[in-house]
Protein backbone atom coordinates (compact mmCIF):
# COMPACT_ATOMS: atom_id res chain seq x y z
CA MET A 1 54.05 55.50 -10.49
CA HIS A 2 52.65 54.51 -13.88
CA ALA A 3 48.88 53.90 -13.77
CA SER A 4 49.15 50.39 -15.27
CA ILE A 5 51.72 49.37 -12.65
CA ARG A 6 49.57 50.72 -9.82
CA TYR A 7 46.57 48.76 -11.16
CA ALA A 8 48.61 45.56 -11.40
CA LEU A 9 49.81 45.97 -7.84
CA SER A 10 46.30 46.59 -6.58
CA VAL A 11 45.05 43.50 -8.41
CA SER A 12 47.90 41.46 -6.97
CA LEU A 13 47.22 42.74 -3.43
CA ALA A 14 43.48 42.08 -3.74
CA LEU A 15 44.07 38.55 -4.96
CA SER A 16 46.55 37.96 -2.14
CA LEU A 17 44.06 39.13 0.48
CA PHE A 18 41.21 37.23 -1.12
CA SER A 19 43.14 33.94 -1.11
CA GLY A 20 43.55 34.13 2.66
CA CYS A 21 39.79 33.70 3.30
CA ALA A 22 38.43 30.20 3.53
CA PRO A 23 36.75 28.59 1.81
CA GLN A 24 37.75 30.24 -1.48
CA PRO A 25 38.40 29.13 -5.07
CA VAL A 26 41.89 28.32 -6.19
CA PRO A 27 43.90 31.62 -6.22
CA GLN A 28 44.14 33.18 -9.66
CA LYS A 29 47.47 33.96 -11.23
CA THR A 30 48.35 37.65 -10.98
CA VAL A 31 47.91 39.29 -14.35
CA THR A 32 49.45 42.38 -15.82
CA ILE A 33 47.40 45.02 -17.54
CA ASP A 34 48.63 45.66 -21.09
CA SER A 35 47.23 48.99 -22.23
CA THR A 36 48.03 48.18 -25.83
CA LEU A 37 45.50 45.36 -25.94
CA PRO A 38 42.09 46.32 -27.34
CA ILE A 39 39.11 46.45 -24.97
CA PRO A 40 36.12 44.21 -25.94
CA LEU A 41 33.20 46.13 -27.38
CA MET A 42 30.00 44.48 -26.19
CA ASN A 43 27.01 44.15 -28.48
CA GLY A 44 24.71 43.19 -25.64
CA PHE A 45 23.29 40.27 -23.68
CA ILE A 46 20.19 38.11 -23.30
CA ALA A 47 19.15 36.99 -19.81
CA ASP A 48 17.12 33.88 -19.13
CA ILE A 49 16.08 32.16 -15.89
CA ASN A 50 19.31 30.27 -15.30
CA SER A 51 21.68 31.57 -17.93
CA ILE A 52 22.94 34.81 -19.49
CA ALA A 53 24.30 35.03 -23.04
CA PHE A 54 26.78 37.75 -24.14
CA GLU A 55 27.96 38.89 -27.55
CA TRP A 56 30.85 41.22 -28.50
CA LYS A 57 32.42 42.52 -31.67
CA PRO A 58 35.18 40.48 -33.33
CA ILE A 59 38.78 41.44 -32.48
CA GLU A 60 41.21 41.72 -35.40
CA ASP A 61 44.34 42.47 -33.35
CA THR A 62 46.62 39.44 -33.66
CA LYS A 63 48.13 40.06 -30.22
CA VAL A 64 44.83 38.94 -28.72
CA THR A 65 44.68 35.19 -27.98
CA GLY A 66 41.46 35.11 -26.00
CA TYR A 67 39.31 36.67 -23.30
CA TYR A 68 38.93 36.85 -19.53
CA ILE A 69 35.43 37.11 -18.06
CA TYR A 70 34.74 38.53 -14.61
CA ARG A 71 31.59 38.38 -12.51
CA ASN A 72 30.48 39.07 -8.98
CA THR A 73 28.45 36.60 -6.88
CA PRO A 74 25.34 38.07 -5.22
CA GLY A 75 25.41 37.59 -1.47
CA ASN A 76 29.18 37.04 -1.39
CA GLU A 77 30.98 38.98 1.32
CA ASP A 78 33.56 40.11 -1.25
CA PRO A 79 31.70 42.40 -3.71
CA LYS A 80 34.60 42.49 -6.19
CA LEU A 81 34.35 40.83 -9.57
CA GLN A 82 36.16 37.50 -9.83
CA ARG A 83 37.34 35.75 -12.95
CA ILE A 84 34.85 33.02 -13.85
CA ALA A 85 35.99 31.95 -17.32
CA THR A 86 38.85 32.06 -19.83
CA ILE A 87 38.22 31.79 -23.57
CA ASP A 88 41.32 30.66 -25.49
CA SER A 89 40.43 32.03 -28.90
CA ARG A 90 40.34 35.59 -30.20
CA PHE A 91 37.78 34.51 -32.80
CA ALA A 92 35.16 33.82 -30.17
CA THR A 93 32.39 36.40 -29.92
CA HIS A 94 29.89 34.68 -27.58
CA PHE A 95 29.77 33.42 -24.01
CA VAL A 96 26.95 31.85 -21.96
CA ASP A 97 27.08 31.87 -18.17
CA SER A 98 24.95 29.00 -16.86
CA ASP A 99 26.14 29.26 -13.29
CA VAL A 100 23.50 31.80 -12.27
CA LYS A 101 20.30 31.65 -10.25
CA PRO A 102 16.81 32.91 -11.15
CA GLY A 103 15.83 36.41 -10.04
CA ASN A 104 19.36 37.60 -9.19
CA GLN A 105 21.38 40.61 -10.35
CA TYR A 106 24.97 40.16 -11.57
CA GLN A 107 27.81 42.41 -12.71
CA TYR A 108 30.12 41.47 -15.62
CA ARG A 109 33.32 42.77 -17.12
CA PHE A 110 35.24 41.43 -20.15
CA ALA A 111 38.92 41.82 -21.11
CA THR A 112 41.15 40.57 -23.92
CA MET A 113 44.35 38.65 -23.19
CA ASN A 114 47.61 37.88 -24.96
CA LYS A 115 49.77 34.80 -25.01
CA GLU A 116 51.76 35.97 -21.96
CA GLY A 117 48.55 36.13 -19.94
CA SER A 118 48.44 39.90 -19.74
CA GLU A 119 45.00 41.42 -20.17
CA SER A 120 43.48 44.59 -21.46
CA ALA A 121 41.67 47.15 -19.40
CA GLY A 122 38.19 45.93 -18.60
CA SER A 123 35.12 46.65 -20.61
CA GLU A 124 32.38 48.76 -19.16
CA THR A 125 30.78 46.88 -16.24
CA MET A 126 27.37 45.52 -17.19
CA VAL A 127 24.60 44.92 -14.70
CA VAL A 128 22.41 42.00 -15.74
CA ALA A 129 19.41 40.47 -13.93
CA THR A 130 18.27 36.92 -14.57
CA GLN A 131 14.58 36.37 -15.08
CA PRO A 132 12.57 35.29 -12.05
CA MET A 133 11.63 31.66 -11.74
CA ILE A 134 8.37 30.68 -13.42
CA ALA A 135 5.38 30.79 -11.10
CA PRO A 136 4.21 27.50 -9.62
CA VAL A 137 1.13 25.61 -10.76
CA SER A 138 -1.81 27.80 -9.74
CA PHE A 139 -4.55 25.16 -9.43
CA PHE A 140 -3.95 21.74 -7.89
CA GLN A 141 -6.58 19.55 -6.23
CA SER A 142 -7.32 15.92 -5.42
CA VAL A 143 -10.17 13.45 -5.33
CA GLY A 144 -10.25 11.35 -2.16
CA ASN A 145 -12.26 8.45 -0.75
CA MET A 146 -11.06 6.22 -3.58
CA PRO A 147 -10.08 2.57 -2.99
CA ARG A 148 -6.33 2.47 -2.34
CA SER A 149 -5.73 5.31 -4.77
CA ALA A 150 -5.87 9.10 -5.18
CA LYS A 151 -6.72 11.18 -8.23
CA LEU A 152 -4.77 14.42 -8.72
CA LEU A 153 -5.88 17.22 -11.05
CA TRP A 154 -4.21 20.50 -12.03
CA ARG A 155 -4.49 23.30 -14.56
CA PRO A 156 -1.83 22.99 -17.31
CA HIS A 157 0.83 25.64 -16.84
CA PRO A 158 0.39 28.56 -19.28
CA ASN A 159 4.14 29.15 -19.73
CA GLY A 160 5.54 27.56 -22.89
CA LYS A 161 8.87 26.88 -21.19
CA ILE A 162 7.26 24.18 -19.08
CA ASN A 163 7.88 20.65 -20.33
CA GLY A 164 6.38 18.53 -17.55
CA TYR A 165 5.70 18.13 -13.86
CA ILE A 166 7.06 16.48 -10.75
CA ILE A 167 4.54 15.09 -8.23
CA GLU A 168 5.57 14.62 -4.61
CA ARG A 169 3.76 12.82 -1.81
CA GLN A 170 3.95 12.97 1.96
CA ASP A 171 2.56 10.26 4.21
CA GLY A 172 0.32 11.76 6.85
CA THR A 173 2.34 10.02 9.56
CA ASP A 174 5.69 11.67 8.77
CA GLN A 175 7.18 14.85 7.31
CA LYS A 176 9.22 13.41 4.45
CA TRP A 177 8.38 14.31 0.86
CA SER A 178 9.02 11.73 -1.84
CA GLU A 179 8.92 12.12 -5.61
CA ILE A 180 6.39 9.61 -6.93
CA ALA A 181 5.96 10.61 -10.58
CA ALA A 182 7.53 12.59 -13.41
CA ILE A 183 4.90 13.71 -15.91
CA LYS A 184 6.03 14.61 -19.44
CA GLY A 185 4.15 17.24 -21.42
CA ARG A 186 2.92 20.67 -20.33
CA LEU A 187 -0.71 19.94 -21.22
CA ASN A 188 -1.03 16.85 -19.04
CA ALA A 189 -3.38 17.57 -16.15
CA GLU A 190 -4.12 14.31 -14.31
CA PHE A 191 -2.36 11.60 -12.34
CA ILE A 192 -3.71 8.65 -10.34
CA ASP A 193 -1.62 7.34 -7.47
CA HIS A 194 -2.14 3.63 -6.76
CA GLU A 195 -1.29 1.06 -4.06
CA LEU A 196 -2.08 3.32 -1.13
CA LYS A 197 -3.13 2.29 2.36
CA ASP A 198 -6.78 1.95 3.29
CA GLY A 199 -8.31 4.87 5.19
CA HIS A 200 -4.97 6.69 5.23
CA VAL A 201 -4.07 10.39 5.01
CA TYR A 202 -1.70 11.65 2.30
CA PHE A 203 -0.55 15.10 1.17
CA TYR A 204 0.48 15.98 -2.38
CA ARG A 205 2.18 18.87 -4.16
CA ILE A 206 3.26 19.47 -7.75
CA LYS A 207 6.19 21.32 -9.33
CA ALA A 208 6.38 22.44 -12.96
CA LEU A 209 9.57 21.50 -14.82
CA THR A 210 11.16 23.50 -17.65
CA PHE A 211 12.93 22.08 -20.69
CA GLU A 212 16.20 22.85 -18.88
CA LYS A 213 15.05 20.71 -15.91
CA LEU A 214 14.46 23.75 -13.73
CA SER A 215 11.78 23.25 -11.15
CA THR A 216 9.29 25.87 -10.03
CA ASP A 217 8.31 26.24 -6.42
CA ALA A 218 5.79 23.68 -5.20
CA SER A 219 2.09 24.30 -5.52
CA GLU A 220 -0.19 24.52 -2.52
CA LEU A 221 -0.75 21.20 -0.75
CA THR A 222 -3.76 19.03 -1.31
CA LYS A 223 -4.93 16.43 1.19
CA VAL A 224 -6.27 12.97 0.37
CA VAL A 225 -7.93 10.41 2.62
CA THR A 226 -8.28 7.05 0.91
CA LYS A 227 -11.43 4.99 1.24
CA PRO A 228 -11.53 3.01 4.50
CA LEU A 229 -12.25 -0.69 4.73
CA PRO A 230 -15.81 -1.63 5.61
CA PRO A 231 -16.26 -1.92 9.39
CA GLU A 232 -16.02 -5.29 11.07
CA ILE A 233 -19.21 -7.36 11.11
CA LYS A 234 -20.94 -7.28 14.49
CA ASN A 235 -23.08 -9.65 16.56
CA VAL A 236 -22.40 -12.87 14.72
CA THR A 237 -24.24 -15.88 16.18
CA ALA A 238 -24.07 -19.57 15.32
CA SER A 239 -26.57 -22.25 16.33
CA ASN A 240 -25.82 -25.55 18.10
CA ASP A 241 -29.31 -27.08 18.28
CA ILE A 242 -30.26 -27.70 14.65
CA PRO A 243 -30.05 -31.24 13.30
CA ARG A 244 -27.26 -31.56 10.75
CA ALA A 245 -27.02 -27.83 10.09
CA ILE A 246 -25.55 -24.67 11.61
CA ASN A 247 -27.47 -21.44 11.23
CA LEU A 248 -25.45 -18.18 11.15
CA LYS A 249 -26.83 -14.68 11.71
CA TRP A 250 -25.22 -11.22 11.96
CA ASP A 251 -25.99 -7.51 11.88
CA ALA A 252 -26.18 -5.91 8.45
CA SER A 253 -23.19 -3.83 7.41
CA THR A 254 -23.61 -0.06 7.78
CA ILE A 255 -21.86 0.86 4.50
CA SER A 256 -23.99 2.24 1.68
CA ASP A 257 -22.16 0.48 -1.16
CA LEU A 258 -22.19 -3.06 0.16
CA SER A 259 -21.59 -5.73 -2.47
CA HIS A 260 -21.75 -8.96 -0.47
CA TYR A 261 -20.57 -10.90 2.57
CA ASN A 262 -17.85 -13.55 2.70
CA ILE A 263 -18.00 -16.44 5.15
CA TYR A 264 -14.80 -18.18 6.24
CA ARG A 265 -14.83 -21.54 8.02
CA SER A 266 -12.39 -23.65 9.99
CA SER A 267 -12.58 -26.88 11.98
CA THR A 268 -10.60 -25.31 14.86
CA SER A 269 -10.53 -21.83 16.35
CA ASN A 270 -6.79 -21.41 15.74
CA ASP A 271 -6.60 -23.01 12.31
CA LYS A 272 -6.36 -21.16 9.04
CA PHE A 273 -9.80 -19.96 7.98
CA GLU A 274 -10.70 -20.87 4.41
CA TYR A 275 -13.09 -18.94 2.18
CA PHE A 276 -16.37 -20.84 2.26
CA VAL A 277 -19.25 -18.96 0.64
CA LYS A 278 -20.34 -15.57 -0.75
CA LEU A 279 -23.85 -14.23 -0.20
CA GLU A 280 -25.89 -11.04 0.12
CA ALA A 281 -28.20 -11.99 2.99
CA THR A 282 -27.41 -11.58 6.69
CA ASN A 283 -28.01 -15.23 7.52
CA PHE A 284 -26.78 -18.55 6.23
CA THR A 285 -27.48 -22.20 6.94
CA ASP A 286 -24.50 -24.50 6.67
CA THR A 287 -25.85 -27.99 5.88
CA ILE A 288 -23.69 -30.75 7.41
CA THR A 289 -24.06 -34.54 7.30
CA GLU A 290 -22.66 -35.20 10.78
CA ASP A 291 -24.29 -34.97 14.19
CA GLY A 292 -22.49 -32.93 16.83
CA LYS A 293 -20.06 -31.50 14.26
CA PHE A 294 -18.28 -28.29 15.33
CA TYR A 295 -17.15 -25.47 13.02
CA PHE A 296 -15.75 -21.98 13.60
CA TYR A 297 -16.78 -19.03 11.45
CA LYS A 298 -15.68 -15.49 10.57
CA ILE A 299 -17.68 -13.13 8.38
CA THR A 300 -16.57 -10.07 6.38
CA ALA A 301 -18.30 -7.33 4.38
CA VAL A 302 -17.11 -6.45 0.87
CA ASP A 303 -17.95 -3.13 -0.81
CA LYS A 304 -18.48 -2.47 -4.51
CA ASP A 305 -14.80 -1.52 -4.92
CA GLY A 306 -13.72 -4.92 -3.60
CA LEU A 307 -12.53 -3.61 -0.22
CA GLU A 308 -13.11 -6.22 2.45
CA SER A 309 -13.44 -5.70 6.18
CA THR A 310 -10.86 -7.37 8.40
CA LEU A 311 -11.40 -10.81 9.86
CA SER A 312 -12.40 -10.63 13.49
CA PRO A 313 -9.74 -11.99 15.86
CA ILE A 314 -12.49 -13.96 17.60
CA ALA A 315 -14.16 -16.83 15.77
CA ILE A 316 -17.79 -17.81 16.34
CA GLN A 317 -18.35 -21.47 17.18
CA GLY A 318 -21.37 -23.39 15.96
CA SER A 319 -22.31 -27.04 15.87
CA THR A 320 -24.95 -29.38 14.59
CA LEU A 321 -27.29 -30.96 17.10
CA ALA A 322 -25.42 -33.63 19.03
CA LYS A 323 -26.54 -37.26 19.19
CA PRO A 324 -28.79 -38.17 22.13
CA GLN A 325 -27.15 -39.88 25.08
CA THR A 326 -26.87 -43.67 24.93
CA PRO A 327 -29.26 -45.56 27.25
CA ILE A 328 -27.69 -46.69 30.55
CA ALA A 329 -28.07 -49.56 33.02
CA TYR A 330 -28.72 -51.89 30.14
CA GLU A 331 -29.40 -55.59 30.90
CA GLY A 332 -30.79 -58.57 29.07
CA LYS A 333 -31.70 -62.22 29.79
CA ILE A 334 -33.57 -65.26 28.48
CA VAL A 335 -36.94 -65.81 30.16
CA ASN A 336 -39.17 -68.69 28.98
CA LYS A 337 -37.35 -69.01 25.70
CA ALA A 338 -37.69 -65.28 25.00
CA VAL A 339 -35.32 -62.35 25.29
CA ALA A 340 -36.10 -59.69 27.90
CA LEU A 341 -34.22 -56.39 27.58
CA GLN A 342 -34.43 -53.47 29.98
CA TRP A 343 -32.61 -50.09 30.23
CA LYS A 344 -32.85 -46.57 31.56
CA ASN A 345 -33.24 -43.38 29.56
CA SER A 346 -30.33 -40.93 29.89
CA ASP A 347 -31.48 -38.02 27.70
CA PRO A 348 -34.69 -35.92 27.90
CA ARG A 349 -34.61 -35.51 24.12
CA THR A 350 -35.37 -39.22 23.67
CA VAL A 351 -38.81 -39.95 22.17
CA SER A 352 -38.24 -43.59 21.14
CA TYR A 353 -35.68 -46.36 20.91
CA THR A 354 -34.26 -48.63 18.26
CA VAL A 355 -33.13 -52.18 18.98
CA ILE A 356 -30.58 -53.77 16.67
CA LYS A 357 -30.85 -57.56 16.71
CA THR A 358 -27.98 -59.46 15.13
CA THR A 359 -28.35 -63.20 14.52
CA LYS A 360 -25.23 -65.36 14.22
CA LYS A 361 -25.86 -67.60 11.22
CA SER A 362 -22.37 -69.10 11.39
CA TRP A 363 -18.90 -68.17 12.49
CA ILE A 364 -18.61 -65.67 9.68
CA SER A 365 -22.21 -64.98 8.69
CA ARG A 366 -24.44 -62.59 10.57
CA GLU A 367 -27.78 -60.96 9.89
CA SER A 368 -28.95 -57.72 11.51
CA LEU A 369 -32.47 -56.41 11.99
CA GLU A 370 -33.63 -53.00 13.27
CA ILE A 371 -36.72 -52.78 15.44
CA ASN A 372 -37.84 -49.12 15.55
CA ASN A 373 -40.38 -46.95 17.37
CA ILE A 374 -40.04 -48.63 20.75
CA THR A 375 -41.57 -46.18 23.19
CA GLU A 376 -40.81 -47.92 26.49
CA ALA A 377 -37.45 -48.70 28.08
CA LEU A 378 -37.94 -52.46 27.66
CA PHE A 379 -38.23 -54.98 24.87
CA HIS A 380 -39.28 -58.65 24.58
CA ASP A 381 -38.26 -60.82 21.68
CA ILE A 382 -39.95 -64.19 21.30
CA ASN A 383 -38.61 -64.77 17.81
CA ILE A 384 -35.49 -66.60 18.84
CA LYS A 385 -34.31 -70.17 18.30
CA PRO A 386 -32.37 -72.50 20.53
CA ASP A 387 -28.68 -73.06 20.03
CA THR A 388 -28.42 -69.72 18.17
CA GLY A 389 -26.47 -66.70 19.29
CA TYR A 390 -28.07 -63.24 19.32
CA LEU A 391 -26.56 -59.80 19.88
CA TYR A 392 -28.70 -56.89 21.07
CA GLU A 393 -27.87 -53.14 21.01
CA ILE A 394 -30.11 -50.23 22.06
CA MET A 395 -30.10 -46.64 20.67
CA SER A 396 -32.01 -43.56 21.83
CA VAL A 397 -33.83 -41.61 19.11
CA ASP A 398 -34.92 -37.94 19.35
CA LYS A 399 -37.78 -36.18 17.54
CA ASN A 400 -35.50 -35.39 14.59
CA GLY A 401 -34.69 -39.05 14.08
CA ILE A 402 -31.14 -38.61 15.36
CA ARG A 403 -29.89 -41.77 16.99
CA SER A 404 -27.48 -42.09 19.87
CA LEU A 405 -24.46 -44.31 19.77
CA PRO A 406 -25.49 -47.93 20.47
CA THR A 407 -25.04 -49.63 23.81
CA THR A 408 -22.41 -52.32 24.22
CA PRO A 409 -23.78 -55.47 22.57
CA ILE A 410 -25.27 -58.14 24.88
CA GLU A 411 -25.02 -61.70 23.58
CA LEU A 412 -27.87 -64.06 24.51
CA SER A 413 -28.78 -67.65 23.62
CA TYR A 414 -30.30 -70.80 25.11
CA GLU A 415 -29.85 -74.56 24.52
CA ALA A 416 -32.49 -76.95 23.27
CA LYS A 417 -33.52 -79.64 25.80
């Protein structure tokens, strides 16, 4: 049998067998070898990381209409060369294969073809190895304990093919890597990651990127722990025995870079706490104009980076000194044209009493007078007139001058005879 016929049959049989394996590319059309077609004469090749360029001598034979290109695939179970490209012009003298991987060895063969699809005998098989992938970034480190951020530093890659970097981050609580930044320019060597969680663990890695968008392997990992919030303020106390003021005290914060304290106040324990005052001391006196006024407080520490400790879930209650208790068992009467008042003390804080005497001048006109510094639980008033109405109220007074609520008014008068 003629050698060209035997070769065609073997090619046809190989293609038939190959097409029966799944998954496989679309079966190629069986071609016939035409021994009269010239064989391509290769000038050589240039191999890069992800591409290989070939050059051959021009073909003058007008029967040639183009070229077939064959290549094996490393790792493929079928070691035979498969057609990977068809060039439909005999004037072409170059081909670039970009469907290759770094650091792999490939075999190539070229053949001319005519308009019927027949091809020449193959060129000499060439063994070509792509260049290995560029080494990863060799130096990559981080700066931690920063407020809600992390600073990343690396040595610029020495390879001129590098055009930038990809930075990836992993939250310390899961295993997923996420791309967080694309850095342009080989000489860039710094990135600051913002809006991170307080006191949280993160891992970072960096990949160098070529002009062709090829990525190197990742660098070694670097770990970052962001700056924690200042600890919660401890041992807060609030007074309830100071006249018209509430005194707050607490333990000093243990952080070394304390800026100040914030005090938040509310009228109820469950209400929204509003910012009230900023100070550097560990005590504060809240001056209030009301007696027995209650407030609830929460205190935070703020560091020099503006990080603030959390508000305690428990509010501290304070109050101003309450009013003394109103006198009890109060009675009054007219005796010998004079008023006699008598009562009982109801509060040990009481040091004196105040009597409020109101004279009815008319139906609509009244005049009130305060009689202070009464030290006994009785009072006599001889300055009264007949046929005139008088109202008397008694208040307890403590050493701070705080008065109780007045007793219920007693109205007294007598008629002229």
